[in-house]
């Protein structure tokens, strides 16, 4: 139980990498079409972006919940990942490269899970 925070952060990082590979390498054309359909349905780019982030959070919820066989951990992982994605997009104006993006997520997610499971 002492390193649960670390395992959750690692699995969430793996989940994010797998999500990126699935969305942008395997289902790229489908995802772009889905994005267009969603954008036409909601008529606002920011709503389309939030829906995208919610769908990504749903993916992480499923992946992490299955990995740990625990819905609470899945919900927390999806929640913190969503909050970080939305926050850094709104608050950090400069473009981050892949390593910076992954590092930001890992550090904040680790601190979040240390606060919950590490103390």
N, C-alpha and C. Protein backbone atom coordinates (compact mmCIF):
# COMPACT_ATOMS: atom_id res chain seq x y z
N UNK A 1 0.82 -1.20 0.00
CA UNK A 1 0.00 0.00 0.00
C UNK A 1 0.86 1.27 0.00
N UNK A 2 2.12 1.15 0.48
CA UNK A 2 2.97 2.32 0.59
C UNK A 2 3.32 2.93 -0.77
N UNK A 3 3.43 2.13 -1.80
CA UNK A 3 3.78 2.64 -3.13
C UNK A 3 2.60 2.68 -4.09
N UNK A 4 1.38 2.56 -3.57
CA UNK A 4 0.21 2.59 -4.44
C UNK A 4 0.16 3.87 -5.26
N UNK A 5 0.50 5.00 -4.64
CA UNK A 5 0.49 6.27 -5.35
C UNK A 5 1.38 6.21 -6.59
N UNK A 6 2.54 5.57 -6.46
CA UNK A 6 3.48 5.48 -7.56
C UNK A 6 2.93 4.58 -8.67
N UNK A 7 2.37 3.44 -8.29
CA UNK A 7 1.80 2.51 -9.27
C UNK A 7 0.65 3.14 -10.05
N UNK A 8 -0.19 3.90 -9.35
CA UNK A 8 -1.32 4.56 -10.03
C UNK A 8 -0.78 5.60 -11.02
N UNK A 9 0.20 6.38 -10.61
CA UNK A 9 0.77 7.38 -11.52
C UNK A 9 1.41 6.72 -12.74
N UNK A 10 2.08 5.60 -12.54
CA UNK A 10 2.70 4.88 -13.66
C UNK A 10 1.63 4.33 -14.60
N UNK A 11 0.60 3.68 -14.05
CA UNK A 11 -0.46 3.11 -14.88
C UNK A 11 -1.21 4.21 -15.62
N UNK A 12 -1.42 5.35 -14.98
CA UNK A 12 -2.08 6.47 -15.66
C UNK A 12 -1.21 7.01 -16.79
N UNK A 13 0.10 7.05 -16.60
CA UNK A 13 1.00 7.47 -17.68
C UNK A 13 0.96 6.47 -18.84
N UNK A 14 0.92 5.19 -18.51
CA UNK A 14 0.80 4.15 -19.55
C UNK A 14 -0.54 4.30 -20.27
N UNK A 15 -1.60 4.55 -19.51
CA UNK A 15 -2.92 4.74 -20.10
C UNK A 15 -2.93 5.92 -21.07
N UNK A 16 -2.27 7.01 -20.69
CA UNK A 16 -2.21 8.19 -21.55
C UNK A 16 -1.45 7.89 -22.83
N UNK A 17 -0.36 7.15 -22.72
CA UNK A 17 0.42 6.77 -23.90
C UNK A 17 -0.40 5.86 -24.82
N UNK A 18 -1.08 4.89 -24.24
CA UNK A 18 -1.92 3.99 -25.03
C UNK A 18 -3.06 4.77 -25.69
N UNK A 19 -3.67 5.68 -24.96
CA UNK A 19 -4.75 6.50 -25.53
C UNK A 19 -4.24 7.30 -26.73
N UNK A 20 -3.07 7.91 -26.58
CA UNK A 20 -2.49 8.68 -27.67
C UNK A 20 -2.25 7.80 -28.89
N UNK A 21 -1.69 6.62 -28.68
CA UNK A 21 -1.41 5.71 -29.78
C UNK A 21 -2.69 5.26 -30.48
N UNK A 22 -3.69 4.92 -29.70
CA UNK A 22 -4.96 4.45 -30.28
C UNK A 22 -5.64 5.56 -31.07
N UNK A 23 -5.73 6.74 -30.46
CA UNK A 23 -6.46 7.84 -31.10
C UNK A 23 -5.73 8.38 -32.32
N UNK A 24 -4.44 8.64 -32.20
CA UNK A 24 -3.73 9.33 -33.28
C UNK A 24 -3.01 8.42 -34.26
N UNK A 25 -2.84 7.15 -33.94
CA UNK A 25 -2.15 6.25 -34.88
C UNK A 25 -3.11 5.23 -35.50
N UNK A 26 -4.05 4.73 -34.72
CA UNK A 26 -4.92 3.65 -35.22
C UNK A 26 -6.24 4.20 -35.74
N UNK A 27 -6.91 5.00 -34.93
CA UNK A 27 -8.25 5.50 -35.29
C UNK A 27 -8.24 6.98 -35.66
N UNK A 28 -7.16 7.46 -36.24
CA UNK A 28 -7.01 8.87 -36.54
C UNK A 28 -8.16 9.42 -37.38
N UNK A 29 -8.46 8.78 -38.50
CA UNK A 29 -9.51 9.29 -39.39
C UNK A 29 -10.87 9.24 -38.72
N UNK A 30 -11.16 8.14 -38.03
CA UNK A 30 -12.43 8.03 -37.31
C UNK A 30 -12.54 9.13 -36.25
N UNK A 31 -11.45 9.37 -35.52
CA UNK A 31 -11.48 10.35 -34.44
C UNK A 31 -11.69 11.76 -34.99
N UNK A 32 -11.09 12.06 -36.13
CA UNK A 32 -11.29 13.37 -36.75
C UNK A 32 -12.73 13.54 -37.21
N UNK A 33 -13.31 12.49 -37.77
CA UNK A 33 -14.71 12.54 -38.20
C UNK A 33 -15.62 12.70 -36.97
N UNK A 34 -15.34 11.93 -35.92
CA UNK A 34 -16.11 12.05 -34.68
C UNK A 34 -16.01 13.47 -34.13
N UNK A 35 -14.82 14.04 -34.14
CA UNK A 35 -14.64 15.41 -33.68
C UNK A 35 -15.47 16.39 -34.50
N UNK A 36 -15.52 16.18 -35.81
CA UNK A 36 -16.34 17.04 -36.67
C UNK A 36 -17.82 16.91 -36.36
N UNK A 37 -18.27 15.68 -36.13
CA UNK A 37 -19.68 15.45 -35.78
C UNK A 37 -20.01 16.13 -34.45
N UNK A 38 -19.13 15.96 -33.47
CA UNK A 38 -19.36 16.59 -32.16
C UNK A 38 -19.35 18.10 -32.30
N UNK A 39 -18.39 18.65 -33.05
CA UNK A 39 -18.30 20.10 -33.24
C UNK A 39 -19.56 20.64 -33.90
N UNK A 40 -20.08 19.93 -34.91
CA UNK A 40 -21.31 20.37 -35.57
C UNK A 40 -22.51 20.27 -34.64
N UNK A 41 -22.48 19.32 -33.71
CA UNK A 41 -23.60 19.13 -32.78
C UNK A 41 -23.64 20.20 -31.70
N UNK A 42 -22.47 20.60 -31.20
CA UNK A 42 -22.44 21.56 -30.09
C UNK A 42 -22.19 23.00 -30.54
N UNK A 43 -21.72 23.18 -31.78
CA UNK A 43 -21.49 24.50 -32.37
C UNK A 43 -20.59 25.42 -31.56
N UNK A 44 -19.61 24.85 -30.89
CA UNK A 44 -18.64 25.67 -30.15
C UNK A 44 -17.36 24.87 -29.97
N UNK A 45 -16.24 25.41 -30.45
CA UNK A 45 -14.98 24.68 -30.33
C UNK A 45 -14.61 24.34 -28.88
N UNK A 46 -14.89 25.22 -27.93
CA UNK A 46 -14.53 24.93 -26.54
C UNK A 46 -15.35 23.78 -25.99
N UNK A 47 -16.62 23.66 -26.42
CA UNK A 47 -17.45 22.53 -25.99
C UNK A 47 -16.93 21.23 -26.60
N UNK A 48 -16.50 21.28 -27.84
CA UNK A 48 -15.91 20.11 -28.50
C UNK A 48 -14.66 19.67 -27.75
N UNK A 49 -13.83 20.63 -27.36
CA UNK A 49 -12.61 20.33 -26.62
C UNK A 49 -12.92 19.70 -25.27
N UNK A 50 -13.90 20.23 -24.55
CA UNK A 50 -14.28 19.67 -23.25
C UNK A 50 -14.82 18.25 -23.42
N UNK A 51 -15.62 18.03 -24.45
CA UNK A 51 -16.14 16.67 -24.72
C UNK A 51 -14.97 15.73 -25.01
N UNK A 52 -14.00 16.19 -25.79
CA UNK A 52 -12.81 15.37 -26.06
C UNK A 52 -12.11 15.00 -24.75
N UNK A 53 -11.91 15.99 -23.88
CA UNK A 53 -11.23 15.74 -22.60
C UNK A 53 -12.05 14.79 -21.72
N UNK A 54 -13.37 14.91 -21.75
CA UNK A 54 -14.23 14.00 -20.98
C UNK A 54 -14.16 12.57 -21.53
N UNK A 55 -14.10 12.45 -22.85
CA UNK A 55 -13.97 11.11 -23.45
C UNK A 55 -12.62 10.51 -23.08
N UNK A 56 -11.57 11.32 -23.08
CA UNK A 56 -10.25 10.83 -22.68
C UNK A 56 -10.27 10.41 -21.21
N UNK A 57 -10.92 11.19 -20.37
CA UNK A 57 -11.04 10.84 -18.95
C UNK A 57 -11.79 9.52 -18.80
N UNK A 58 -12.81 9.31 -19.62
CA UNK A 58 -13.53 8.04 -19.60
C UNK A 58 -12.63 6.88 -19.96
N UNK A 59 -11.78 7.06 -20.94
CA UNK A 59 -10.81 6.02 -21.30
C UNK A 59 -9.90 5.70 -20.12
N UNK A 60 -9.38 6.74 -19.48
CA UNK A 60 -8.48 6.53 -18.34
C UNK A 60 -9.22 5.85 -17.18
N UNK A 61 -10.47 6.25 -16.97
CA UNK A 61 -11.27 5.62 -15.91
C UNK A 61 -11.37 4.11 -16.15
N UNK A 62 -11.70 3.73 -17.36
CA UNK A 62 -11.85 2.31 -17.69
C UNK A 62 -10.52 1.58 -17.55
N UNK A 63 -9.47 2.14 -18.13
CA UNK A 63 -8.15 1.48 -18.12
C UNK A 63 -7.63 1.31 -16.70
N UNK A 64 -7.64 2.37 -15.92
CA UNK A 64 -7.09 2.32 -14.56
C UNK A 64 -7.97 1.47 -13.65
N UNK A 65 -9.29 1.57 -13.81
CA UNK A 65 -10.20 0.74 -12.99
C UNK A 65 -9.95 -0.74 -13.22
N UNK A 66 -9.74 -1.12 -14.47
CA UNK A 66 -9.46 -2.52 -14.80
C UNK A 66 -8.08 -2.92 -14.26
N UNK A 67 -7.10 -2.05 -14.43
CA UNK A 67 -5.74 -2.37 -13.98
C UNK A 67 -5.68 -2.62 -12.47
N UNK A 68 -6.44 -1.86 -11.70
CA UNK A 68 -6.40 -1.99 -10.24
C UNK A 68 -7.62 -2.71 -9.67
N UNK A 69 -8.57 -3.04 -10.55
CA UNK A 69 -9.83 -3.64 -10.11
C UNK A 69 -10.45 -2.81 -8.99
N UNK A 70 -10.47 -1.49 -9.21
CA UNK A 70 -10.93 -0.57 -8.19
C UNK A 70 -11.53 0.66 -8.87
N UNK A 71 -12.84 0.85 -8.70
CA UNK A 71 -13.51 1.99 -9.33
C UNK A 71 -13.09 3.32 -8.73
N UNK A 72 -12.82 3.35 -7.44
CA UNK A 72 -12.40 4.59 -6.79
C UNK A 72 -11.10 5.11 -7.38
N UNK A 73 -10.14 4.25 -7.55
CA UNK A 73 -8.86 4.66 -8.14
C UNK A 73 -9.08 5.12 -9.57
N UNK A 74 -9.93 4.42 -10.32
CA UNK A 74 -10.24 4.82 -11.69
C UNK A 74 -10.87 6.20 -11.77
N UNK A 75 -11.81 6.47 -10.87
CA UNK A 75 -12.47 7.78 -10.85
C UNK A 75 -11.46 8.87 -10.50
N UNK A 76 -10.65 8.64 -9.47
CA UNK A 76 -9.64 9.63 -9.07
C UNK A 76 -8.63 9.88 -10.18
N UNK A 77 -8.19 8.82 -10.84
CA UNK A 77 -7.22 8.96 -11.93
C UNK A 77 -7.82 9.76 -13.09
N UNK A 78 -9.03 9.43 -13.47
CA UNK A 78 -9.68 10.17 -14.57
C UNK A 78 -9.89 11.63 -14.18
N UNK A 79 -10.30 11.86 -12.94
CA UNK A 79 -10.56 13.21 -12.47
C UNK A 79 -9.28 14.06 -12.51
N UNK A 80 -8.20 13.57 -11.91
CA UNK A 80 -6.98 14.38 -11.86
C UNK A 80 -6.39 14.59 -13.25
N UNK A 81 -6.48 13.58 -14.10
CA UNK A 81 -5.97 13.74 -15.47
C UNK A 81 -6.77 14.80 -16.22
N UNK A 82 -8.09 14.78 -16.07
CA UNK A 82 -8.96 15.77 -16.70
C UNK A 82 -8.62 17.17 -16.20
N UNK A 83 -8.50 17.32 -14.88
CA UNK A 83 -8.20 18.63 -14.29
C UNK A 83 -6.86 19.16 -14.79
N UNK A 84 -5.86 18.31 -14.86
CA UNK A 84 -4.54 18.75 -15.33
C UNK A 84 -4.61 19.15 -16.80
N UNK A 85 -5.26 18.34 -17.64
CA UNK A 85 -5.37 18.67 -19.06
C UNK A 85 -6.07 20.00 -19.27
N UNK A 86 -7.18 20.20 -18.61
CA UNK A 86 -7.93 21.45 -18.77
C UNK A 86 -7.12 22.62 -18.21
N UNK A 87 -6.54 22.44 -17.04
CA UNK A 87 -5.79 23.53 -16.40
C UNK A 87 -4.57 23.96 -17.21
N UNK A 88 -3.79 22.99 -17.65
CA UNK A 88 -2.57 23.41 -18.35
C UNK A 88 -2.89 23.97 -19.73
N UNK A 89 -3.99 23.59 -20.32
CA UNK A 89 -4.38 24.18 -21.59
C UNK A 89 -4.83 25.63 -21.40
N UNK A 90 -5.55 25.87 -20.31
CA UNK A 90 -6.06 27.22 -20.06
C UNK A 90 -5.00 28.15 -19.45
N UNK A 91 -4.13 27.61 -18.61
CA UNK A 91 -3.21 28.46 -17.84
C UNK A 91 -1.81 28.57 -18.41
N UNK A 92 -1.36 27.58 -19.15
CA UNK A 92 0.00 27.61 -19.70
C UNK A 92 -0.12 27.91 -21.18
N UNK A 93 0.23 29.14 -21.54
CA UNK A 93 0.01 29.57 -22.92
C UNK A 93 1.03 29.01 -23.90
N UNK A 94 2.22 28.71 -23.43
CA UNK A 94 3.24 28.22 -24.37
C UNK A 94 2.99 26.75 -24.70
N UNK A 95 3.41 26.36 -25.88
CA UNK A 95 3.26 24.97 -26.32
C UNK A 95 4.29 24.11 -25.60
N UNK A 96 3.83 22.99 -25.06
CA UNK A 96 4.72 22.07 -24.36
C UNK A 96 5.05 20.92 -25.30
N UNK A 97 6.32 20.47 -25.26
CA UNK A 97 6.64 19.28 -26.04
C UNK A 97 6.15 18.04 -25.29
N UNK A 98 6.27 16.88 -25.90
CA UNK A 98 5.73 15.64 -25.34
C UNK A 98 6.33 15.31 -23.97
N UNK A 99 7.64 15.45 -23.83
CA UNK A 99 8.30 15.14 -22.57
C UNK A 99 7.84 16.09 -21.45
N UNK A 100 7.75 17.37 -21.76
CA UNK A 100 7.28 18.33 -20.76
C UNK A 100 5.84 18.03 -20.35
N UNK A 101 5.01 17.71 -21.32
CA UNK A 101 3.61 17.40 -21.06
C UNK A 101 3.49 16.17 -20.15
N UNK A 102 4.19 15.10 -20.50
CA UNK A 102 4.14 13.86 -19.70
C UNK A 102 4.72 14.10 -18.31
N UNK A 103 5.79 14.88 -18.22
CA UNK A 103 6.41 15.16 -16.92
C UNK A 103 5.47 15.96 -16.03
N UNK A 104 4.82 16.96 -16.60
CA UNK A 104 3.86 17.75 -15.84
C UNK A 104 2.77 16.85 -15.26
N UNK A 105 2.22 16.01 -16.11
CA UNK A 105 1.17 15.09 -15.65
C UNK A 105 1.70 14.17 -14.55
N UNK A 106 2.85 13.57 -14.78
CA UNK A 106 3.36 12.60 -13.82
C UNK A 106 3.63 13.23 -12.45
N UNK A 107 4.21 14.42 -12.44
CA UNK A 107 4.52 15.08 -11.17
C UNK A 107 3.24 15.43 -10.42
N UNK A 108 2.30 16.07 -11.09
CA UNK A 108 1.07 16.49 -10.41
C UNK A 108 0.24 15.27 -10.01
N UNK A 109 0.13 14.28 -10.89
CA UNK A 109 -0.62 13.07 -10.54
C UNK A 109 0.03 12.33 -9.38
N UNK A 110 1.36 12.29 -9.37
CA UNK A 110 2.06 11.65 -8.25
C UNK A 110 1.77 12.37 -6.94
N UNK A 111 1.86 13.70 -6.95
CA UNK A 111 1.58 14.47 -5.74
C UNK A 111 0.14 14.26 -5.27
N UNK A 112 -0.78 14.22 -6.22
CA UNK A 112 -2.19 13.99 -5.90
C UNK A 112 -2.38 12.63 -5.22
N UNK A 113 -1.79 11.61 -5.80
CA UNK A 113 -1.95 10.27 -5.22
C UNK A 113 -1.12 10.06 -3.96
N UNK A 114 0.01 10.78 -3.81
CA UNK A 114 0.74 10.74 -2.55
C UNK A 114 -0.13 11.32 -1.44
N UNK A 115 -0.82 12.42 -1.74
CA UNK A 115 -1.70 13.03 -0.75
C UNK A 115 -2.82 12.08 -0.32
N UNK A 116 -3.28 11.26 -1.24
CA UNK A 116 -4.39 10.36 -0.92
C UNK A 116 -3.92 9.04 -0.34
N UNK A 117 -2.94 8.40 -0.98
CA UNK A 117 -2.54 7.05 -0.59
C UNK A 117 -1.18 6.95 0.08
N UNK A 118 -0.38 8.00 0.01
CA UNK A 118 0.98 7.90 0.51
C UNK A 118 1.20 8.37 1.93
N UNK A 119 0.22 9.04 2.48
CA UNK A 119 0.40 9.59 3.84
C UNK A 119 -0.25 8.72 4.88
